[in-house]
């Protein structure tokens, strides 16, 4: 499964408000609920928060990959967000986070979940990619850089 299979141009935001880790997770939950059938924003928020309690999804270098399995989710869905201002995400390197790739997965899809998570982490550990994402001036640019696709 490739990134283009889980991320759409509509789920890509080049300048979003942050504020705090919890606010980012709340905003992501509402944002994704509007784009996913059968998903409740509060359930999604609680699932993302529960995952964060196990350990921060802030992987370092200003990147976080909040993720969870969710009842009612029919297909693996991603969202890529570049925050206008970095927020403290309790990342492993202590640095604030400005690039967030959220991943919501159906409860039964273990192998696919880990495969996509690994692909996202690998992509975002590339300094050239991170720098390009941070320079993206539009949602379309952000999508194109992340997926290597023009979005058309």
C-alpha atoms as a PDB file:
ATOM      1  CA  UNK A   1       0.000   0.000   0.000  1.00  0.00           C
ATOM      2  CA  UNK A   2       1.374   3.390  -1.020  1.00  0.00           C
ATOM      3  CA  UNK A   3       0.883   6.814   0.537  1.00  0.00           C
ATOM      4  CA  UNK A   4      -1.273   7.868  -2.415  1.00  0.00           C
ATOM      5  CA  UNK A   5      -3.700   5.104  -1.348  1.00  0.00           C
ATOM      6  CA  UNK A   6      -4.347   6.698   2.061  1.00  0.00           C
ATOM      7  CA  UNK A   7      -3.842  10.429   1.490  1.00  0.00           C
ATOM      8  CA  UNK A   8      -6.056  12.614  -0.690  1.00  0.00           C
ATOM      9  CA  UNK A   9      -5.641  16.266  -1.687  1.00  0.00           C
ATOM     10  CA  UNK A  10      -8.736  17.042   0.426  1.00  0.00           C
ATOM     11  CA  UNK A  11      -6.984  15.632   3.519  1.00  0.00           C
ATOM     12  CA  UNK A  12      -3.930  17.838   3.085  1.00  0.00           C
ATOM     13  CA  UNK A  13      -3.652  21.229   4.802  1.00  0.00           C
ATOM     14  CA  UNK A  14      -0.650  23.518   4.307  1.00  0.00           C
ATOM     15  CA  UNK A  15      -1.343  25.988   7.113  1.00  0.00           C
ATOM     16  CA  UNK A  16      -3.353  24.926  10.147  1.00  0.00           C
ATOM     17  CA  UNK A  17      -3.704  26.363  13.604  1.00  0.00           C
ATOM     18  CA  UNK A  18      -2.085  24.381  16.372  1.00  0.00           C
ATOM     19  CA  UNK A  19      -2.058  25.831  19.877  1.00  0.00           C
ATOM     20  CA  UNK A  20      -1.380  22.616  21.781  1.00  0.00           C
ATOM     21  CA  UNK A  21      -1.064  18.882  21.261  1.00  0.00           C
ATOM     22  CA  UNK A  22      -4.629  18.278  22.473  1.00  0.00           C
ATOM     23  CA  UNK A  23      -6.001  21.073  20.294  1.00  0.00           C
ATOM     24  CA  UNK A  24      -4.224  19.605  17.250  1.00  0.00           C
ATOM     25  CA  UNK A  25      -5.740  16.177  17.979  1.00  0.00           C
ATOM     26  CA  UNK A  26      -9.198  17.740  18.473  1.00  0.00           C
ATOM     27  CA  UNK A  27      -8.928  19.664  15.206  1.00  0.00           C
ATOM     28  CA  UNK A  28      -7.712  16.561  13.353  1.00  0.00           C
ATOM     29  CA  UNK A  29     -10.651  14.578  14.732  1.00  0.00           C
ATOM     30  CA  UNK A  30     -13.215  17.114  13.516  1.00  0.00           C
ATOM     31  CA  UNK A  31     -11.408  17.525  10.188  1.00  0.00           C
ATOM     32  CA  UNK A  32     -11.306  13.772   9.540  1.00  0.00           C
ATOM     33  CA  UNK A  33     -14.869  13.121  10.754  1.00  0.00           C
ATOM     34  CA  UNK A  34     -16.104  15.416   7.999  1.00  0.00           C
ATOM     35  CA  UNK A  35     -14.231  13.301   5.437  1.00  0.00           C
ATOM     36  CA  UNK A  36     -14.944   9.790   6.727  1.00  0.00           C
ATOM     37  CA  UNK A  37     -18.321   8.072   6.756  1.00  0.00           C
ATOM     38  CA  UNK A  38     -19.512   6.500   9.986  1.00  0.00           C
ATOM     39  CA  UNK A  39     -16.879   8.167  12.188  1.00  0.00           C
ATOM     40  CA  UNK A  40     -17.638  10.167  15.322  1.00  0.00           C
ATOM     41  CA  UNK A  41     -15.245  13.043  16.064  1.00  0.00           C
ATOM     42  CA  UNK A  42     -15.230  12.434  19.818  1.00  0.00           C
ATOM     43  CA  UNK A  43     -14.545   8.701  19.392  1.00  0.00           C
ATOM     44  CA  UNK A  44     -11.703   9.532  17.034  1.00  0.00           C
ATOM     45  CA  UNK A  45     -10.277  12.129  19.429  1.00  0.00           C
ATOM     46  CA  UNK A  46     -10.456   9.708  22.362  1.00  0.00           C
ATOM     47  CA  UNK A  47      -8.724   6.998  20.307  1.00  0.00           C
ATOM     48  CA  UNK A  48      -5.924   9.343  19.234  1.00  0.00           C
ATOM     49  CA  UNK A  49      -5.540  10.563  22.823  1.00  0.00           C
ATOM     50  CA  UNK A  50      -5.448   6.986  24.156  1.00  0.00           C
ATOM     51  CA  UNK A  51      -2.661   6.169  21.697  1.00  0.00           C
ATOM     52  CA  UNK A  52      -0.698   9.245  22.811  1.00  0.00           C
ATOM     53  CA  UNK A  53      -0.966   8.082  26.430  1.00  0.00           C
ATOM     54  CA  UNK A  54       0.961   4.946  25.440  1.00  0.00           C
ATOM     55  CA  UNK A  55       3.813   7.136  24.224  1.00  0.00           C
ATOM     56  CA  UNK A  56       4.135  10.235  22.115  1.00  0.00           C
ATOM     57  CA  UNK A  57       3.806   9.831  18.378  1.00  0.00           C
ATOM     58  CA  UNK A  58       6.240  12.731  17.997  1.00  0.00           C
ATOM     59  CA  UNK A  59       9.070  10.934  16.177  1.00  0.00           C
ATOM     60  CA  UNK A  60      11.521  13.846  16.194  1.00  0.00           C
ATOM     61  CA  UNK A  61      12.716  16.485  13.731  1.00  0.00           C
ATOM     62  CA  UNK A  62       9.419  18.383  14.098  1.00  0.00           C
ATOM     63  CA  UNK A  63       7.296  15.424  12.958  1.00  0.00           C
ATOM     64  CA  UNK A  64       4.414  13.565  14.618  1.00  0.00           C
ATOM     65  CA  UNK A  65       2.401  10.615  13.314  1.00  0.00           C
ATOM     66  CA  UNK A  66      -0.678  10.350  15.530  1.00  0.00           C
ATOM     67  CA  UNK A  67      -2.527   7.156  14.667  1.00  0.00           C
ATOM     68  CA  UNK A  68      -5.171   4.782  15.943  1.00  0.00           C
ATOM     69  CA  UNK A  69      -7.456   1.924  15.041  1.00  0.00           C
ATOM     70  CA  UNK A  70     -11.097   2.936  15.043  1.00  0.00           C
ATOM     71  CA  UNK A  71     -14.420   1.092  14.986  1.00  0.00           C
ATOM     72  CA  UNK A  72     -16.550   2.332  12.115  1.00  0.00           C
ATOM     73  CA  UNK A  73     -13.549   3.241  10.005  1.00  0.00           C
ATOM     74  CA  UNK A  74     -13.960   1.492   6.650  1.00  0.00           C
ATOM     75  CA  UNK A  75     -10.568   2.162   5.062  1.00  0.00           C
ATOM     76  CA  UNK A  76      -7.149   3.411   6.070  1.00  0.00           C
ATOM     77  CA  UNK A  77      -7.298   7.193   5.949  1.00  0.00           C
ATOM     78  CA  UNK A  78      -4.492   9.699   6.322  1.00  0.00           C
ATOM     79  CA  UNK A  79      -4.282  13.443   6.781  1.00  0.00           C
ATOM     80  CA  UNK A  80      -1.179  15.578   6.340  1.00  0.00           C
ATOM     81  CA  UNK A  81      -1.090  18.905   8.151  1.00  0.00           C
ATOM     82  CA  UNK A  82       1.569  21.582   8.291  1.00  0.00           C
ATOM     83  CA  UNK A  83       1.015  23.777  11.328  1.00  0.00           C
ATOM     84  CA  UNK A  84       1.373  27.541  11.065  1.00  0.00           C
ATOM     85  CA  UNK A  85       3.229  27.436  14.407  1.00  0.00           C
ATOM     86  CA  UNK A  86       4.953  24.405  15.910  1.00  0.00           C
ATOM     87  CA  UNK A  87       3.528  22.913  19.113  1.00  0.00           C
ATOM     88  CA  UNK A  88       4.989  20.869  21.946  1.00  0.00           C
ATOM     89  CA  UNK A  89       4.077  17.255  21.141  1.00  0.00           C
ATOM     90  CA  UNK A  90       6.248  15.519  23.750  1.00  0.00           C
ATOM     91  CA  UNK A  91       8.439  14.334  20.856  1.00  0.00           C
ATOM     92  CA  UNK A  92      11.320  11.980  21.567  1.00  0.00           C
ATOM     93  CA  UNK A  93      13.854  14.712  20.757  1.00  0.00           C
ATOM     94  CA  UNK A  94      12.002  17.388  22.762  1.00  0.00           C
ATOM     95  CA  UNK A  95      11.562  19.564  19.658  1.00  0.00           C
ATOM     96  CA  UNK A  96       8.205  21.154  18.800  1.00  0.00           C
ATOM     97  CA  UNK A  97       6.196  19.621  15.953  1.00  0.00           C
ATOM     98  CA  UNK A  98       4.972  21.370  12.808  1.00  0.00           C
ATOM     99  CA  UNK A  99       4.442  18.424  10.425  1.00  0.00           C
ATOM    100  CA  UNK A 100       1.693  15.988  11.338  1.00  0.00           C
ATOM    101  CA  UNK A 101       0.576  12.918   9.460  1.00  0.00           C
ATOM    102  CA  UNK A 102      -2.494  11.381  11.102  1.00  0.00           C
ATOM    103  CA  UNK A 103      -3.425   7.821  10.255  1.00  0.00           C
ATOM    104  CA  UNK A 104      -6.795   6.241  11.045  1.00  0.00           C
ATOM    105  CA  UNK A 105      -7.111   2.514  10.473  1.00  0.00           C
ATOM    106  CA  UNK A 106      -9.985  -0.006  10.632  1.00  0.00           C
ATOM    107  CA  UNK A 107      -9.711  -2.139  13.749  1.00  0.00           C
ATOM    108  CA  UNK A 108      -8.978  -5.353  11.855  1.00  0.00           C
ATOM    109  CA  UNK A 109      -6.175  -4.099   9.590  1.00  0.00           C
ATOM    110  CA  UNK A 110      -3.025  -4.800  11.621  1.00  0.00           C
ATOM    111  CA  UNK A 111      -0.531  -5.609   8.868  1.00  0.00           C
ATOM    112  CA  UNK A 112      -1.599  -2.775   6.580  1.00  0.00           C
ATOM    113  CA  UNK A 113      -1.503  -0.368   9.533  1.00  0.00           C
ATOM    114  CA  UNK A 114       2.102  -1.183  10.319  1.00  0.00           C
ATOM    115  CA  UNK A 115       3.132  -1.116   6.659  1.00  0.00           C
ATOM    116  CA  UNK A 116       1.642   2.335   6.040  1.00  0.00           C
ATOM    117  CA  UNK A 117       2.988   3.675   9.337  1.00  0.00           C
ATOM    118  CA  UNK A 118       6.458   2.486   8.370  1.00  0.00           C
ATOM    119  CA  UNK A 119       6.204   4.131   4.927  1.00  0.00           C
ATOM    120  CA  UNK A 120       5.109   7.437   6.454  1.00  0.00           C
ATOM    121  CA  UNK A 121       7.895   7.381   9.045  1.00  0.00           C
ATOM    122  CA  UNK A 122      10.475   6.574   6.371  1.00  0.00           C
ATOM    123  CA  UNK A 123       9.269   9.427   4.156  1.00  0.00           C
ATOM    124  CA  UNK A 124       9.226  11.969   6.981  1.00  0.00           C
ATOM    125  CA  UNK A 125      12.670  10.981   8.263  1.00  0.00           C
ATOM    126  CA  UNK A 126      14.118  12.265   4.978  1.00  0.00           C
ATOM    127  CA  UNK A 127      15.456  15.774   5.654  1.00  0.00           C
ATOM    128  CA  UNK A 128      14.989  16.849   2.026  1.00  0.00           C
ATOM    129  CA  UNK A 129      11.325  15.815   2.114  1.00  0.00           C
ATOM    130  CA  UNK A 130      10.725  17.543   5.459  1.00  0.00           C
ATOM    131  CA  UNK A 131      12.292  20.759   4.175  1.00  0.00           C
ATOM    132  CA  UNK A 132      10.217  20.632   0.984  1.00  0.00           C
ATOM    133  CA  UNK A 133       7.017  20.024   2.980  1.00  0.00           C
ATOM    134  CA  UNK A 134       7.812  22.977   5.221  1.00  0.00           C
ATOM    135  CA  UNK A 135       8.268  25.197   2.141  1.00  0.00           C
ATOM    136  CA  UNK A 136       4.965  24.117   0.557  1.00  0.00           C
ATOM    137  CA  UNK A 137       2.803  27.175  -0.029  1.00  0.00           C
ATOM    138  CA  UNK A 138      -0.493  25.409  -0.732  1.00  0.00           C
ATOM    139  CA  UNK A 139      -2.439  22.285   0.110  1.00  0.00           C
ATOM    140  CA  UNK A 140      -1.786  21.028  -3.427  1.00  0.00           C
ATOM    141  CA  UNK A 141       1.980  21.550  -3.090  1.00  0.00           C
ATOM    142  CA  UNK A 142       1.991  19.717   0.227  1.00  0.00           C
ATOM    143  CA  UNK A 143       0.079  16.795  -1.289  1.00  0.00           C
ATOM    144  CA  UNK A 144       2.299  16.663  -4.379  1.00  0.00           C
ATOM    145  CA  UNK A 145       5.518  16.667  -2.336  1.00  0.00           C
ATOM    146  CA  UNK A 146       4.263  14.007   0.089  1.00  0.00           C
ATOM    147  CA  UNK A 147       2.943  11.640  -2.578  1.00  0.00           C
ATOM    148  CA  UNK A 148       5.044  12.515  -5.595  1.00  0.00           C
ATOM    149  CA  UNK A 149       1.705  13.062  -7.356  1.00  0.00           C
ATOM    150  CA  UNK A 150       0.305  16.227  -8.874  1.00  0.00           C
ATOM    151  CA  UNK A 151      -3.137  15.513  -7.394  1.00  0.00           C
ATOM    152  CA  UNK A 152      -4.940  15.669 -10.746  1.00  0.00           C
END
